[in-house]
Amino acid sequence: MPATDTEGALLEAVRDRIRTQLAYENSKCDVQIDGQPPPFAGEFYVAVHPAEWRVDTAVTPFDEHLGIDVTLTMRLSHVPRDHFGGGLFLKALTGMNVRLRAIVRQISMVYAVMTTANASIVGTEKLYDPLRLAGADPPRVVSGAWFHAEEDEEAGLVRTLHFTRARRTQDHQNFQ
């Protein structure tokens, strides 16, 4: 069922843009509650998840600000964790950053994402500012627990992009 609220519509629009423009299969990119991939995730997984949601109710109409996070997980099960450093880390980081930069190009300041979300939003007040890249967390190594496995069985590299400042105004009676 398509989303009708602002946040859900924006999450779906970001997910769909990544899937279509970057050729991610549905099983490799989806909306999640947080950045953790599902147990069946393969070598790479893109989780699109909620982030910032603020509503300034001191002004009329209400001023709603939304953000979406995109977390890329890359498995490193073929590299023992105690050997993951130096050149191996740089090679993995470079591969990860190539994918992250492609995502940034498809989401940050891309009006097509906002237009797609607006098509699903109920009401006449639509988003009028697109998402913008605010930054990224440092990369971090995760244990197998991140993949719903044994603590030390597998490891991965994770990095989250933060997109913010999508905006919508709504009057008090129609706030949805």
Protein backbone atom coordinates (compact mmCIF):
# COMPACT_ATOMS: atom_id res chain seq x y z
CA MET A 1 0.00 0.00 0.00
CA PRO A 2 1.47 3.39 -0.93
CA ALA A 3 2.31 5.82 1.85
CA THR A 4 0.06 8.79 2.43
CA ASP A 5 1.94 10.59 5.19
CA THR A 6 4.91 12.83 4.48
CA GLU A 7 7.58 10.69 6.13
CA GLY A 8 6.40 7.41 4.61
CA ALA A 9 6.11 8.97 1.16
CA LEU A 10 9.63 10.36 1.41
CA LEU A 11 11.07 7.03 2.59
CA GLU A 12 9.46 5.21 -0.34
CA ALA A 13 10.60 7.86 -2.83
CA VAL A 14 14.23 7.62 -1.67
CA ARG A 15 14.15 3.81 -1.72
CA ASP A 16 12.59 3.71 -5.18
CA ARG A 17 15.09 6.23 -6.57
CA ILE A 18 18.04 4.17 -5.32
CA ARG A 19 16.53 0.96 -6.69
CA THR A 20 15.74 2.33 -10.13
CA GLN A 21 18.64 4.68 -10.78
CA LEU A 22 21.38 2.53 -9.22
CA ALA A 23 19.94 -0.87 -10.18
CA TYR A 24 19.65 -2.28 -6.65
CA GLU A 25 17.42 -5.33 -6.47
CA ASN A 26 14.48 -5.11 -4.04
CA SER A 27 16.25 -7.58 -1.74
CA LYS A 28 19.32 -5.29 -1.59
CA CYS A 29 17.59 -2.00 -0.76
CA ASP A 30 14.50 -1.37 1.35
CA VAL A 31 12.93 0.77 4.06
CA GLN A 32 13.97 -0.38 7.53
CA ILE A 33 13.28 0.87 11.05
CA ASP A 34 17.01 1.60 11.41
CA GLY A 35 20.17 0.94 9.44
CA GLN A 36 20.48 -2.76 10.27
CA PRO A 37 19.99 -5.06 7.28
CA PRO A 38 17.63 -8.05 7.35
CA PRO A 39 19.16 -11.51 7.92
CA PHE A 40 19.13 -12.36 4.20
CA ALA A 41 21.25 -9.35 3.18
CA GLY A 42 24.03 -10.21 0.76
CA GLU A 43 27.43 -8.61 0.29
CA PHE A 44 25.90 -5.09 0.15
CA TYR A 45 22.67 -3.76 1.60
CA VAL A 46 21.12 -0.28 1.56
CA ALA A 47 18.72 0.53 4.40
CA VAL A 48 16.56 3.64 4.00
CA HIS A 49 15.25 4.73 7.38
CA PRO A 50 13.61 7.61 9.26
CA ALA A 51 15.74 10.33 10.77
CA GLU A 52 14.87 13.91 11.67
CA TRP A 53 11.22 14.93 12.06
CA ARG A 54 10.50 18.33 13.54
CA VAL A 55 7.36 20.39 13.46
CA ASP A 56 7.40 24.05 14.44
CA THR A 57 3.88 24.57 15.78
CA ALA A 58 4.62 28.10 17.00
CA VAL A 59 4.06 29.41 13.49
CA THR A 60 1.01 29.19 11.28
CA PRO A 61 1.04 27.28 9.06
CA PHE A 62 3.01 24.51 10.79
CA ASP A 63 6.53 24.14 9.43
CA GLU A 64 7.50 20.48 9.09
CA HIS A 65 11.17 19.42 8.59
CA LEU A 66 12.07 15.87 7.63
CA GLY A 67 15.25 13.89 7.23
CA ILE A 68 16.04 10.45 5.88
CA ASP A 69 19.09 8.32 6.65
CA VAL A 70 20.61 5.84 4.23
CA THR A 71 22.88 3.17 5.69
CA LEU A 72 25.15 1.06 3.51
CA THR A 73 26.35 -2.24 4.95
CA MET A 74 29.14 -4.20 3.31
CA ARG A 75 30.04 -7.71 4.47
CA LEU A 76 33.68 -8.46 5.14
CA SER A 77 33.33 -12.12 6.02
CA HIS A 78 36.19 -13.07 3.73
CA VAL A 79 38.65 -10.97 5.80
CA PRO A 80 39.53 -11.96 9.39
CA ARG A 81 38.83 -8.99 11.63
CA ASP A 82 42.36 -8.99 13.08
CA HIS A 83 43.72 -8.60 9.53
CA PHE A 84 41.38 -5.77 8.60
CA GLY A 85 43.56 -2.68 8.52
CA GLY A 86 45.86 -0.67 6.32
CA GLY A 87 45.45 -1.55 2.66
CA LEU A 88 42.48 -3.88 3.19
CA PHE A 89 40.57 -1.19 5.06
CA LEU A 90 41.34 1.44 2.42
CA LYS A 91 40.24 -0.88 -0.39
CA ALA A 92 36.94 -1.65 1.38
CA LEU A 93 36.39 2.02 2.26
CA THR A 94 37.01 3.09 -1.33
CA GLY A 95 34.47 0.56 -2.63
CA MET A 96 31.95 1.69 -0.04
CA ASN A 97 32.46 5.38 -0.80
CA VAL A 98 31.94 4.83 -4.54
CA ARG A 99 28.49 3.42 -3.74
CA LEU A 100 27.72 6.16 -1.20
CA ARG A 101 28.66 8.94 -3.61
CA ALA A 102 26.36 7.43 -6.24
CA ILE A 103 23.53 7.49 -3.68
CA VAL A 104 24.27 11.14 -2.82
CA ARG A 105 24.06 12.08 -6.51
CA GLN A 106 20.61 10.45 -6.73
CA ILE A 107 19.11 11.94 -3.52
CA SER A 108 20.68 15.27 -2.49
CA MET A 109 18.91 18.24 -4.08
CA VAL A 110 17.16 15.94 -6.57
CA TYR A 111 13.70 17.37 -7.13
CA ALA A 112 12.47 14.14 -8.72
CA VAL A 113 12.60 12.49 -5.26
CA MET A 114 10.45 15.28 -3.82
CA THR A 115 8.02 15.09 -6.76
CA THR A 116 7.62 11.34 -6.33
CA ALA A 117 6.96 11.75 -2.60
CA ASN A 118 4.45 14.54 -3.26
CA ALA A 119 2.42 12.26 -5.53
CA SER A 120 1.70 10.04 -2.49
CA ILE A 121 1.07 12.76 0.10
CA VAL A 122 -2.55 13.36 1.06
CA GLY A 123 -3.63 16.99 1.06
CA THR A 124 -2.82 20.04 -0.95
CA GLU A 125 0.26 21.15 0.97
CA LYS A 126 3.23 19.29 -0.47
CA LEU A 127 6.97 19.22 0.14
CA TYR A 128 8.61 22.34 -1.25
CA ASP A 129 12.27 21.80 -0.31
CA PRO A 130 14.18 18.66 -1.36
CA LEU A 131 16.45 16.56 0.83
CA ARG A 132 20.06 17.73 1.16
CA LEU A 133 23.12 15.82 2.26
CA ALA A 134 24.03 16.92 5.79
CA GLY A 135 26.97 14.53 6.20
CA ALA A 136 27.93 10.97 7.00
CA ASP A 137 28.94 9.04 10.08
CA PRO A 138 32.45 7.65 10.19
CA PRO A 139 32.70 4.09 8.88
CA ARG A 140 32.50 1.45 11.58
CA VAL A 141 33.27 -2.23 11.73
CA VAL A 142 30.41 -4.41 13.00
CA SER A 143 30.36 -7.97 14.25
CA GLY A 144 28.22 -10.82 12.99
CA ALA A 145 25.43 -9.71 15.32
CA TRP A 146 24.74 -6.87 12.86
CA PHE A 147 23.84 -9.60 10.35
CA HIS A 148 21.72 -11.56 12.87
CA ALA A 149 24.51 -14.14 13.22
CA GLU A 150 27.04 -15.17 15.85
CA GLU A 151 29.05 -12.31 17.33
CA ASP A 152 32.37 -13.29 15.78
CA GLU A 153 31.24 -15.29 12.75
CA GLU A 154 31.20 -12.41 10.28
CA ALA A 155 32.13 -8.76 10.18
CA GLY A 156 31.03 -5.83 8.09
CA LEU A 157 31.66 -2.19 7.38
CA VAL A 158 28.78 0.26 7.90
CA ARG A 159 28.34 3.94 7.06
CA THR A 160 25.27 6.15 7.28
CA LEU A 161 24.45 9.17 5.12
CA HIS A 162 22.21 11.87 6.64
CA PHE A 163 19.83 13.78 4.37
CA THR A 164 17.89 16.66 5.94
CA ARG A 165 15.84 19.77 5.30
CA ALA A 166 12.94 18.42 3.28
CA ARG A 167 10.16 20.86 4.21
CA ARG A 168 6.40 21.10 4.10
CA THR A 169 3.99 23.61 5.61
CA GLN A 170 0.44 22.76 6.67
CA ASP A 171 -2.32 24.67 8.39
CA HIS A 172 -3.41 23.49 11.84
CA GLN A 173 -6.73 21.91 10.75
CA ASN A 174 -5.19 19.89 7.93
CA PHE A 175 -2.05 18.71 9.75
CA GLN A 176 -1.59 15.05 8.76
